[in-house]
Amino acid sequence: MTNKSLLTTCLSILISQPVLADVGFEHGNEFQPYSLTGYATVECREGPQYINHTYYCYDTMFDPVEMDRWVGPSGVDADQVTLSVNWNQKERKQTEKYDSKKGKSERFNLFVATLFQRPLIHAGVNQVHYTLDKDKKTVQEGDFEVTVKNVQYQKCRDRSYFEWSLQNCQNNDFAVCRKYFRDENYCK
């Protein structure tokens, strides 16, 4: 066998093999939670009246994103994807629409915890099982790993604001803290 025919045979074998694409989240499979804190002082004056109020601000962020699209393997015709993770022997499961042409799902809630929502993943290494369905029939299943690092604590520098309305100093902690963290570039 000549070198040319050997090379042609090797290339034919490589081309005929199915390509297994990595699956996972669009922004990667490694996440970092941050706990942010700091003080924002707001001085409000309206005519002769004056109020000075200091807010203790705190928030939790999830880097790079709190919600993300799942990217699936190419060439699989599906209309829905279900991701499941075991948490302390309890299964967390979320299902979203899947676009086969784009190879992406709608966004999954990875981190947000509210009265009506639960995050999919937790601190540490998460073994995520995916199930791709077409017309409610499973067409492919598999697993991938997602890592959530330990929380990093960050304190922003203190900041002061001046307002011309007394209302801006009264029961306005959410708006003040949101502006404070944005102005402080989320303590980075």
N, C-alpha and C. Protein backbone atom coordinates (compact mmCIF):
# COMPACT_ATOMS: atom_id res chain seq x y z
N MET A 1 0.84 -1.17 0.00
CA MET A 1 0.00 0.00 0.00
C MET A 1 0.89 1.24 0.00
N THR A 2 0.61 2.18 -0.87
CA THR A 2 1.42 3.39 -0.96
C THR A 2 1.02 4.36 0.13
N ASN A 3 1.89 5.33 0.34
CA ASN A 3 1.60 6.35 1.35
C ASN A 3 0.32 7.11 1.02
N LYS A 4 0.12 7.36 -0.29
CA LYS A 4 -1.06 8.10 -0.71
C LYS A 4 -2.34 7.32 -0.43
N SER A 5 -2.35 6.02 -0.74
CA SER A 5 -3.56 5.22 -0.51
C SER A 5 -3.79 5.00 1.00
N LEU A 6 -2.72 4.91 1.79
CA LEU A 6 -2.84 4.78 3.23
C LEU A 6 -3.48 6.05 3.82
N LEU A 7 -3.00 7.20 3.36
CA LEU A 7 -3.56 8.47 3.81
C LEU A 7 -5.03 8.59 3.43
N THR A 8 -5.38 8.18 2.22
CA THR A 8 -6.76 8.22 1.75
C THR A 8 -7.64 7.30 2.59
N THR A 9 -7.15 6.12 2.92
CA THR A 9 -7.90 5.18 3.74
C THR A 9 -8.12 5.75 5.15
N CYS A 10 -7.08 6.32 5.75
CA CYS A 10 -7.18 6.91 7.10
C CYS A 10 -8.18 8.06 7.11
N LEU A 11 -8.12 8.93 6.09
CA LEU A 11 -9.05 10.04 6.00
C LEU A 11 -10.48 9.55 5.83
N SER A 12 -10.68 8.51 5.05
CA SER A 12 -12.02 7.95 4.84
C SER A 12 -12.59 7.42 6.14
N ILE A 13 -11.76 6.75 6.92
CA ILE A 13 -12.21 6.21 8.20
C ILE A 13 -12.57 7.35 9.15
N LEU A 14 -11.73 8.41 9.21
CA LEU A 14 -12.00 9.53 10.09
C LEU A 14 -13.27 10.28 9.69
N ILE A 15 -13.47 10.47 8.40
CA ILE A 15 -14.64 11.19 7.92
C ILE A 15 -15.91 10.39 8.16
N SER A 16 -15.85 9.09 8.04
CA SER A 16 -17.05 8.28 8.20
C SER A 16 -17.46 8.08 9.66
N GLN A 17 -16.58 8.42 10.60
CA GLN A 17 -16.91 8.27 12.02
C GLN A 17 -17.84 9.41 12.46
N PRO A 18 -18.83 9.12 13.27
CA PRO A 18 -19.70 10.20 13.75
C PRO A 18 -18.92 11.14 14.65
N VAL A 19 -19.22 12.41 14.53
CA VAL A 19 -18.56 13.41 15.35
C VAL A 19 -19.41 13.64 16.59
N LEU A 20 -18.84 13.42 17.74
CA LEU A 20 -19.57 13.61 19.00
C LEU A 20 -19.25 15.00 19.53
N ALA A 21 -20.21 15.86 19.45
CA ALA A 21 -20.03 17.23 19.93
C ALA A 21 -20.22 17.28 21.44
N ASP A 22 -19.53 18.21 22.07
CA ASP A 22 -19.75 18.42 23.49
C ASP A 22 -21.13 19.02 23.69
N VAL A 23 -21.78 18.62 24.74
CA VAL A 23 -23.07 19.20 25.10
C VAL A 23 -22.87 19.96 26.40
N GLY A 24 -23.74 20.90 26.63
CA GLY A 24 -23.65 21.68 27.86
C GLY A 24 -24.29 23.03 27.68
N PHE A 25 -23.94 23.97 28.54
CA PHE A 25 -24.55 25.28 28.50
C PHE A 25 -23.79 26.22 27.57
N GLU A 26 -24.54 27.12 26.99
CA GLU A 26 -24.00 28.04 25.99
C GLU A 26 -22.82 28.85 26.52
N HIS A 27 -22.86 29.24 27.79
CA HIS A 27 -21.78 30.04 28.37
C HIS A 27 -20.76 29.19 29.15
N GLY A 28 -20.79 27.89 28.94
CA GLY A 28 -19.83 27.01 29.60
C GLY A 28 -20.45 26.23 30.74
N ASN A 29 -19.69 25.31 31.27
CA ASN A 29 -20.18 24.41 32.32
C ASN A 29 -19.48 24.65 33.66
N GLU A 30 -18.97 25.86 33.83
CA GLU A 30 -18.34 26.22 35.10
C GLU A 30 -18.90 27.57 35.54
N PHE A 31 -19.42 27.61 36.77
CA PHE A 31 -20.09 28.81 37.27
C PHE A 31 -19.50 29.23 38.61
N GLN A 32 -19.54 30.54 38.85
CA GLN A 32 -19.00 31.11 40.08
C GLN A 32 -20.05 32.00 40.75
N PRO A 33 -20.53 31.63 41.93
CA PRO A 33 -21.43 32.53 42.67
C PRO A 33 -20.63 33.56 43.46
N TYR A 34 -21.17 34.77 43.55
CA TYR A 34 -20.56 35.86 44.31
C TYR A 34 -21.58 36.41 45.29
N SER A 35 -21.13 36.67 46.50
CA SER A 35 -21.96 37.35 47.49
C SER A 35 -21.40 38.77 47.62
N LEU A 36 -22.21 39.76 47.27
CA LEU A 36 -21.78 41.14 47.25
C LEU A 36 -22.38 41.90 48.44
N THR A 37 -21.58 42.76 49.06
CA THR A 37 -22.06 43.60 50.15
C THR A 37 -21.44 44.98 50.05
N GLY A 38 -22.07 45.93 50.72
CA GLY A 38 -21.52 47.28 50.79
C GLY A 38 -22.53 48.26 51.35
N TYR A 39 -22.08 49.48 51.58
CA TYR A 39 -22.93 50.53 52.14
C TYR A 39 -23.11 51.66 51.15
N ALA A 40 -24.36 52.08 50.99
CA ALA A 40 -24.69 53.24 50.16
C ALA A 40 -25.42 54.25 51.04
N THR A 41 -24.90 55.46 51.08
CA THR A 41 -25.51 56.52 51.86
C THR A 41 -26.19 57.49 50.91
N VAL A 42 -27.44 57.82 51.21
CA VAL A 42 -28.20 58.75 50.39
C VAL A 42 -28.57 59.95 51.25
N GLU A 43 -28.18 61.13 50.75
CA GLU A 43 -28.52 62.38 51.42
C GLU A 43 -29.62 63.04 50.60
N CYS A 44 -30.74 63.31 51.24
CA CYS A 44 -31.89 63.89 50.54
C CYS A 44 -32.23 65.25 51.15
N ARG A 45 -32.41 66.25 50.28
CA ARG A 45 -32.81 67.59 50.71
C ARG A 45 -34.01 68.03 49.88
N GLU A 46 -34.95 68.59 50.58
CA GLU A 46 -36.11 69.16 49.90
C GLU A 46 -36.48 70.42 50.69
N GLY A 47 -36.16 71.56 50.11
CA GLY A 47 -36.36 72.81 50.84
C GLY A 47 -35.50 72.80 52.09
N PRO A 48 -36.10 73.14 53.24
CA PRO A 48 -35.30 73.15 54.49
C PRO A 48 -35.16 71.76 55.12
N GLN A 49 -35.88 70.77 54.60
CA GLN A 49 -35.83 69.43 55.20
C GLN A 49 -34.63 68.64 54.66
N TYR A 50 -34.12 67.79 55.55
CA TYR A 50 -32.90 67.02 55.22
C TYR A 50 -33.01 65.64 55.84
N ILE A 51 -32.71 64.60 55.06
CA ILE A 51 -32.66 63.22 55.56
C ILE A 51 -31.36 62.59 55.05
N ASN A 52 -30.73 61.85 55.93
CA ASN A 52 -29.52 61.12 55.56
C ASN A 52 -29.77 59.66 55.93
N HIS A 53 -29.70 58.76 54.95
CA HIS A 53 -30.00 57.36 55.23
C HIS A 53 -28.90 56.47 54.64
N THR A 54 -28.40 55.53 55.45
CA THR A 54 -27.39 54.58 54.98
C THR A 54 -28.03 53.21 54.81
N TYR A 55 -27.83 52.62 53.66
CA TYR A 55 -28.38 51.30 53.34
C TYR A 55 -27.26 50.27 53.35
N TYR A 56 -27.52 49.16 54.00
CA TYR A 56 -26.62 48.01 53.88
C TYR A 56 -27.13 47.20 52.70
N CYS A 57 -26.33 47.11 51.66
CA CYS A 57 -26.74 46.43 50.43
C CYS A 57 -26.08 45.06 50.36
N TYR A 58 -26.83 44.08 49.90
CA TYR A 58 -26.30 42.73 49.69
C TYR A 58 -27.03 42.10 48.51
N ASP A 59 -26.31 41.29 47.79
CA ASP A 59 -26.90 40.59 46.65
C ASP A 59 -26.03 39.38 46.34
N THR A 60 -26.57 38.48 45.58
CA THR A 60 -25.83 37.32 45.12
C THR A 60 -25.89 37.28 43.61
N MET A 61 -24.75 37.09 42.99
CA MET A 61 -24.65 37.03 41.53
C MET A 61 -24.11 35.66 41.13
N PHE A 62 -24.36 35.28 39.91
CA PHE A 62 -23.91 33.99 39.40
C PHE A 62 -23.21 34.25 38.07
N ASP A 63 -21.93 34.01 38.00
CA ASP A 63 -21.13 34.32 36.82
C ASP A 63 -20.83 33.05 36.03
N PRO A 64 -21.02 33.00 34.73
CA PRO A 64 -21.27 34.14 33.86
C PRO A 64 -22.75 34.52 33.72
N VAL A 65 -23.69 33.63 33.96
CA VAL A 65 -25.12 33.95 33.81
C VAL A 65 -25.93 33.14 34.82
N GLU A 66 -27.14 33.64 35.14
CA GLU A 66 -28.03 32.93 36.05
C GLU A 66 -28.98 32.00 35.30
N MET A 67 -29.23 32.30 34.04
CA MET A 67 -30.09 31.47 33.19
C MET A 67 -29.34 31.29 31.86
N ASP A 68 -29.38 30.07 31.32
CA ASP A 68 -28.60 29.82 30.12
C ASP A 68 -29.28 28.79 29.22
N ARG A 69 -28.94 28.85 27.95
CA ARG A 69 -29.45 27.89 26.96
C ARG A 69 -28.58 26.64 26.99
N TRP A 70 -29.20 25.51 26.77
CA TRP A 70 -28.47 24.26 26.66
C TRP A 70 -28.16 24.03 25.18
N VAL A 71 -26.92 23.64 24.89
CA VAL A 71 -26.48 23.36 23.53
C VAL A 71 -26.35 21.85 23.39
N GLY A 72 -27.09 21.30 22.44
CA GLY A 72 -27.12 19.85 22.26
C GLY A 72 -26.23 19.35 21.13
N PRO A 73 -26.22 18.04 20.93
CA PRO A 73 -25.41 17.44 19.86
C PRO A 73 -26.01 17.78 18.49
N SER A 74 -25.15 17.90 17.51
CA SER A 74 -25.64 18.22 16.16
C SER A 74 -26.28 16.99 15.52
N GLY A 75 -27.23 17.26 14.64
CA GLY A 75 -27.85 16.19 13.88
C GLY A 75 -28.95 15.42 14.59
N VAL A 76 -29.39 15.88 15.73
CA VAL A 76 -30.47 15.20 16.45
C VAL A 76 -31.75 16.01 16.28
N ASP A 77 -32.78 15.37 15.75
CA ASP A 77 -34.06 16.03 15.53
C ASP A 77 -34.91 15.88 16.78
N ALA A 78 -35.05 16.98 17.53
CA ALA A 78 -35.82 16.97 18.78
C ALA A 78 -36.54 18.30 18.93
N ASP A 79 -37.60 18.31 19.74
CA ASP A 79 -38.33 19.54 19.97
C ASP A 79 -38.38 19.93 21.45
N GLN A 80 -37.78 19.10 22.30
CA GLN A 80 -37.82 19.35 23.74
C GLN A 80 -36.61 18.69 24.40
N VAL A 81 -36.09 19.35 25.43
CA VAL A 81 -34.99 18.76 26.20
C VAL A 81 -35.33 18.87 27.69
N THR A 82 -35.05 17.80 28.41
CA THR A 82 -35.23 17.77 29.86
C THR A 82 -33.86 17.55 30.50
N LEU A 83 -33.53 18.42 31.45
CA LEU A 83 -32.29 18.28 32.22
C LEU A 83 -32.66 17.91 33.64
N SER A 84 -31.94 16.96 34.20
CA SER A 84 -32.20 16.55 35.58
C SER A 84 -30.90 16.39 36.34
N VAL A 85 -30.97 16.77 37.62
CA VAL A 85 -29.82 16.70 38.52
C VAL A 85 -30.32 16.17 39.84
N ASN A 86 -29.56 15.28 40.48
CA ASN A 86 -29.93 14.78 41.81
C ASN A 86 -29.31 15.67 42.88
N TRP A 87 -30.15 16.12 43.80
CA TRP A 87 -29.76 16.94 44.95
C TRP A 87 -30.14 16.16 46.20
N ASN A 88 -29.19 15.70 46.94
CA ASN A 88 -29.47 14.98 48.18
C ASN A 88 -30.58 13.95 48.01
N GLN A 89 -30.43 13.14 47.02
CA GLN A 89 -31.36 12.05 46.70
C GLN A 89 -32.74 12.55 46.27
N LYS A 90 -32.83 13.81 45.87
CA LYS A 90 -34.05 14.36 45.27
C LYS A 90 -33.68 14.85 43.88
N GLU A 91 -34.56 14.57 42.93
CA GLU A 91 -34.27 14.96 41.56
C GLU A 91 -34.84 16.34 41.25
N ARG A 92 -33.98 17.20 40.70
CA ARG A 92 -34.42 18.49 40.17
C ARG A 92 -34.48 18.32 38.66
N LYS A 93 -35.62 18.71 38.08
CA LYS A 93 -35.83 18.49 36.66
C LYS A 93 -36.44 19.74 36.04
N GLN A 94 -35.92 20.14 34.87
CA GLN A 94 -36.48 21.26 34.12
C GLN A 94 -36.56 20.86 32.66
N THR A 95 -37.64 21.28 32.00
CA THR A 95 -37.86 20.97 30.59
C THR A 95 -38.05 22.26 29.82
N GLU A 96 -37.42 22.35 28.65
CA GLU A 96 -37.55 23.53 27.79
C GLU A 96 -37.68 23.10 26.34
N LYS A 97 -38.21 24.00 25.52
CA LYS A 97 -38.28 23.76 24.08
C LYS A 97 -36.85 23.70 23.52
N TYR A 98 -36.70 22.91 22.46
CA TYR A 98 -35.39 22.72 21.84
C TYR A 98 -35.52 22.96 20.34
N ASP A 99 -34.63 23.77 19.79
CA ASP A 99 -34.60 24.07 18.35
C ASP A 99 -33.50 23.23 17.71
N SER A 100 -33.88 22.19 16.97
CA SER A 100 -32.90 21.27 16.36
C SER A 100 -32.00 21.97 15.35
N LYS A 101 -32.56 22.92 14.62
CA LYS A 101 -31.77 23.62 13.60
C LYS A 101 -30.65 24.43 14.22
N LYS A 102 -30.94 25.09 15.34
CA LYS A 102 -29.93 25.89 16.03
C LYS A 102 -29.11 25.04 17.00
N GLY A 103 -29.68 23.89 17.40
CA GLY A 103 -29.00 23.04 18.38
C GLY A 103 -29.01 23.64 19.77
N LYS A 104 -30.05 24.47 20.07
CA LYS A 104 -30.12 25.14 21.37
C LYS A 104 -31.53 25.08 21.93
N SER A 105 -31.60 25.16 23.25
CA SER A 105 -32.89 25.18 23.94
C SER A 105 -33.25 26.61 24.31
N GLU A 106 -34.43 26.75 24.90
CA GLU A 106 -34.77 27.99 25.60
C GLU A 106 -33.90 28.02 26.86
N ARG A 107 -33.94 29.12 27.60
CA ARG A 107 -33.06 29.26 28.76
C ARG A 107 -33.55 28.44 29.97
N PHE A 108 -32.59 27.81 30.64
CA PHE A 108 -32.85 27.08 31.88
C PHE A 108 -32.48 27.97 33.07
N ASN A 109 -33.23 27.83 34.16
CA ASN A 109 -32.94 28.53 35.40
C ASN A 109 -31.86 27.75 36.14
N LEU A 110 -30.66 28.29 36.17
CA LEU A 110 -29.55 27.61 36.82
C LEU A 110 -29.40 28.01 38.29
N PHE A 111 -29.79 29.23 38.64
CA PHE A 111 -29.42 29.76 39.94
C PHE A 111 -30.54 30.46 40.70
N VAL A 112 -31.54 31.01 40.03
CA VAL A 112 -32.55 31.83 40.66
C VAL A 112 -33.48 30.98 41.54
N ALA A 113 -33.59 31.37 42.81
CA ALA A 113 -34.47 30.68 43.75
C ALA A 113 -35.51 31.67 44.26
N THR A 114 -36.77 31.42 43.95
CA THR A 114 -37.86 32.25 44.43
C THR A 114 -38.96 31.34 44.96
N LEU A 115 -40.07 31.94 45.29
CA LEU A 115 -41.20 31.17 45.78
C LEU A 115 -41.69 30.17 44.71
N PHE A 116 -41.60 30.57 43.44
CA PHE A 116 -42.13 29.74 42.36
C PHE A 116 -41.05 29.07 41.50
N GLN A 117 -39.78 29.35 41.76
CA GLN A 117 -38.70 28.77 40.95
C GLN A 117 -37.66 28.11 41.84
N ARG A 118 -37.07 27.06 41.31
CA ARG A 118 -35.96 26.41 41.98
C ARG A 118 -34.82 26.28 40.98
N PRO A 119 -33.59 26.52 41.42
CA PRO A 119 -32.46 26.38 40.50
C PRO A 119 -32.21 24.92 40.14
N LEU A 120 -31.63 24.72 38.97
CA LEU A 120 -31.32 23.37 38.52
C LEU A 120 -30.07 22.82 39.18
N ILE A 121 -29.04 23.65 39.31
CA ILE A 121 -27.75 23.16 39.79
C ILE A 121 -27.43 23.71 41.18
N HIS A 122 -26.45 23.10 41.83
CA HIS A 122 -26.07 23.45 43.20
C HIS A 122 -24.55 23.50 43.29
N ALA A 123 -24.04 23.93 44.43
CA ALA A 123 -22.60 24.04 44.65
C ALA A 123 -21.93 22.68 44.50
N GLY A 124 -20.76 22.69 43.90
CA GLY A 124 -20.01 21.46 43.69
C GLY A 124 -20.14 20.95 42.27
N VAL A 125 -19.86 19.67 42.09
CA VAL A 125 -19.93 19.04 40.77
C VAL A 125 -21.33 18.45 40.58
N ASN A 126 -21.99 18.83 39.52
CA ASN A 126 -23.34 18.38 39.20
C ASN A 126 -23.28 17.41 38.02
N GLN A 127 -23.79 16.22 38.20
CA GLN A 127 -23.95 15.28 37.09
C GLN A 127 -25.33 15.54 36.49
N VAL A 128 -25.35 16.06 35.27
CA VAL A 128 -26.60 16.45 34.63
C VAL A 128 -26.95 15.41 33.57
N HIS A 129 -28.17 14.92 33.64
CA HIS A 129 -28.67 13.96 32.64
C HIS A 129 -29.60 14.71 31.69
N TYR A 130 -29.39 14.54 30.38
CA TYR A 130 -30.30 15.18 29.44
C TYR A 130 -31.08 14.13 28.66
N THR A 131 -32.31 14.49 28.32
CA THR A 131 -33.18 13.66 27.50
C THR A 131 -33.76 14.53 26.40
N LEU A 132 -33.47 14.18 25.15
CA LEU A 132 -34.02 14.89 24.00
C LEU A 132 -35.22 14.12 23.49
N ASP A 133 -36.34 14.83 23.32
CA ASP A 133 -37.58 14.21 22.86
C ASP A 133 -38.05 14.86 21.56
N LYS A 134 -38.73 14.05 20.76
CA LYS A 134 -39.42 14.53 19.56
C LYS A 134 -40.83 13.98 19.64
N ASP A 135 -41.83 14.85 19.64
CA ASP A 135 -43.22 14.44 19.75
C ASP A 135 -43.43 13.52 20.96
N LYS A 136 -42.82 13.89 22.09
CA LYS A 136 -42.95 13.19 23.37
C LYS A 136 -42.33 11.79 23.38
N LYS A 137 -41.45 11.50 22.40
CA LYS A 137 -40.72 10.23 22.38
C LYS A 137 -39.23 10.53 22.47
N THR A 138 -38.54 9.82 23.35
CA THR A 138 -37.12 10.04 23.55
C THR A 138 -36.34 9.63 22.32
N VAL A 139 -35.47 10.56 21.84
CA VAL A 139 -34.62 10.26 20.69
C VAL A 139 -33.15 10.16 21.06
N GLN A 140 -32.76 10.78 22.19
CA GLN A 140 -31.38 10.66 22.66
C GLN A 140 -31.28 11.05 24.12
N GLU A 141 -30.38 10.38 24.83
CA GLU A 141 -30.10 10.69 26.23
C GLU A 141 -28.60 10.74 26.42
N GLY A 142 -28.17 11.42 27.46
CA GLY A 142 -26.75 11.48 27.76
C GLY A 142 -26.51 12.22 29.06
N ASP A 143 -25.25 12.41 29.39
CA ASP A 143 -24.85 13.06 30.63
C ASP A 143 -23.72 14.03 30.37
N PHE A 144 -23.66 15.06 31.20
CA PHE A 144 -22.53 15.98 31.19
C PHE A 144 -22.36 16.53 32.60
N GLU A 145 -21.26 17.20 32.84
CA GLU A 145 -20.90 17.66 34.17
C GLU A 145 -20.89 19.19 34.21
N VAL A 146 -21.42 19.75 35.28
CA VAL A 146 -21.40 21.19 35.51
C VAL A 146 -20.82 21.43 36.90
N THR A 147 -19.89 22.39 36.99
CA THR A 147 -19.26 22.70 38.27
C THR A 147 -19.66 24.08 38.74
N VAL A 148 -20.10 24.15 39.99
CA VAL A 148 -20.39 25.42 40.64
C VAL A 148 -19.35 25.57 41.75
N LYS A 149 -18.49 26.57 41.61
CA LYS A 149 -17.42 26.80 42.58
C LYS A 149 -17.98 27.32 43.90
N ASN A 150 -17.15 27.37 44.92
CA ASN A 150 -17.56 27.91 46.22
C ASN A 150 -17.83 29.40 46.09
N VAL A 151 -18.74 29.90 46.91
CA VAL A 151 -19.11 31.31 46.90
C VAL A 151 -17.89 32.17 47.22
N GLN A 152 -17.71 33.23 46.43
CA GLN A 152 -16.68 34.24 46.74
C GLN A 152 -17.38 35.46 47.31
N TYR A 153 -16.85 35.96 48.41
CA TYR A 153 -17.44 37.12 49.09
C TYR A 153 -16.67 38.37 48.65
N GLN A 154 -17.43 39.39 48.25
CA GLN A 154 -16.80 40.62 47.80
C GLN A 154 -17.51 41.81 48.44
N LYS A 155 -16.71 42.76 48.94
CA LYS A 155 -17.27 43.98 49.51
C LYS A 155 -16.92 45.13 48.58
N CYS A 156 -17.95 45.87 48.20
CA CYS A 156 -17.75 47.07 47.39
C CYS A 156 -17.34 48.22 48.30
N ARG A 157 -16.69 49.21 47.72
CA ARG A 157 -16.36 50.41 48.51
C ARG A 157 -17.66 51.16 48.82
N ASP A 158 -17.65 51.91 49.89
CA ASP A 158 -18.83 52.70 50.26
C ASP A 158 -19.02 53.81 49.24
N ARG A 159 -20.28 54.21 49.06
CA ARG A 159 -20.60 55.24 48.07
C ARG A 159 -21.71 56.12 48.62
N SER A 160 -21.66 57.41 48.25
CA SER A 160 -22.68 58.37 48.68
C SER A 160 -23.41 58.93 47.47
N TYR A 161 -24.69 59.21 47.67
CA TYR A 161 -25.53 59.80 46.63
C TYR A 161 -26.24 61.01 47.22
N PHE A 162 -26.54 61.97 46.36
CA PHE A 162 -27.29 63.14 46.78
C PHE A 162 -28.56 63.23 45.95
N GLU A 163 -29.71 63.43 46.61
CA GLU A 163 -31.01 63.51 45.93
C GLU A 163 -31.73 64.78 46.34
N TRP A 164 -32.57 65.31 45.45
CA TRP A 164 -33.33 66.53 45.72
C TRP A 164 -34.75 66.22 46.17
N SER A 165 -35.06 64.98 46.47
CA SER A 165 -36.39 64.62 46.93
C SER A 165 -36.28 63.75 48.17
N LEU A 166 -37.07 64.07 49.18
CA LEU A 166 -37.05 63.27 50.42
C LEU A 166 -37.55 61.85 50.18
N GLN A 167 -38.41 61.67 49.19
CA GLN A 167 -38.94 60.33 48.88
C GLN A 167 -37.84 59.35 48.53
N ASN A 168 -36.77 59.82 47.93
CA ASN A 168 -35.68 58.93 47.53
C ASN A 168 -34.88 58.39 48.71
N CYS A 169 -35.14 58.91 49.91
CA CYS A 169 -34.47 58.40 51.10
C CYS A 169 -35.38 57.53 51.95
N GLN A 170 -36.60 57.36 51.54
CA GLN A 170 -37.55 56.63 52.37
C GLN A 170 -37.99 55.35 51.68
N ASN A 171 -37.70 54.22 52.32
CA ASN A 171 -38.14 52.90 51.83
C ASN A 171 -37.78 52.67 50.37
N ASN A 172 -36.56 52.97 50.03
CA ASN A 172 -36.13 52.85 48.65
C ASN A 172 -34.88 51.98 48.54
N ASP A 173 -34.71 51.05 49.48
CA ASP A 173 -33.46 50.30 49.54
C ASP A 173 -33.20 49.46 48.29
N PHE A 174 -34.23 48.86 47.71
CA PHE A 174 -34.01 48.02 46.52
C PHE A 174 -33.44 48.83 45.37
N ALA A 175 -34.04 49.98 45.07
CA ALA A 175 -33.56 50.81 43.96
C ALA A 175 -32.17 51.38 44.25
N VAL A 176 -31.94 51.81 45.49
CA VAL A 176 -30.64 52.36 45.85
C VAL A 176 -29.56 51.29 45.72
N CYS A 177 -29.82 50.10 46.24
CA CYS A 177 -28.81 49.03 46.18
C CYS A 177 -28.56 48.56 44.75
N ARG A 178 -29.61 48.49 43.94
CA ARG A 178 -29.42 48.10 42.54
C ARG A 178 -28.52 49.10 41.83
N LYS A 179 -28.78 50.40 42.04
CA LYS A 179 -27.94 51.45 41.43
C LYS A 179 -26.52 51.38 41.99
N TYR A 180 -26.41 51.17 43.30
CA TYR A 180 -25.09 51.09 43.95
C TYR A 180 -24.24 49.98 43.35
N PHE A 181 -24.77 48.78 43.24
CA PHE A 181 -23.98 47.67 42.68
C PHE A 181 -23.65 47.91 41.21
N ARG A 182 -24.58 48.47 40.47
CA ARG A 182 -24.31 48.77 39.05
C ARG A 182 -23.20 49.82 38.95
N ASP A 183 -23.27 50.89 39.76
CA ASP A 183 -22.24 51.93 39.75
C ASP A 183 -20.88 51.40 40.20
N GLU A 184 -20.89 50.42 41.08
CA GLU A 184 -19.65 49.82 41.56
C GLU A 184 -19.18 48.65 40.70
N ASN A 185 -19.82 48.46 39.55
CA ASN A 185 -19.49 47.37 38.63
C ASN A 185 -19.50 46.02 39.35
N TYR A 186 -20.48 45.85 40.24
CA TYR A 186 -20.68 44.60 40.98
C TYR A 186 -19.43 44.15 41.72
N CYS A 187 -18.75 45.15 42.31
CA CYS A 187 -17.58 44.93 43.19
C CYS A 187 -16.37 44.36 42.46
N LYS A 188 -16.31 44.50 41.16
CA LYS A 188 -15.15 43.96 40.43
C LYS A 188 -14.00 44.92 40.41
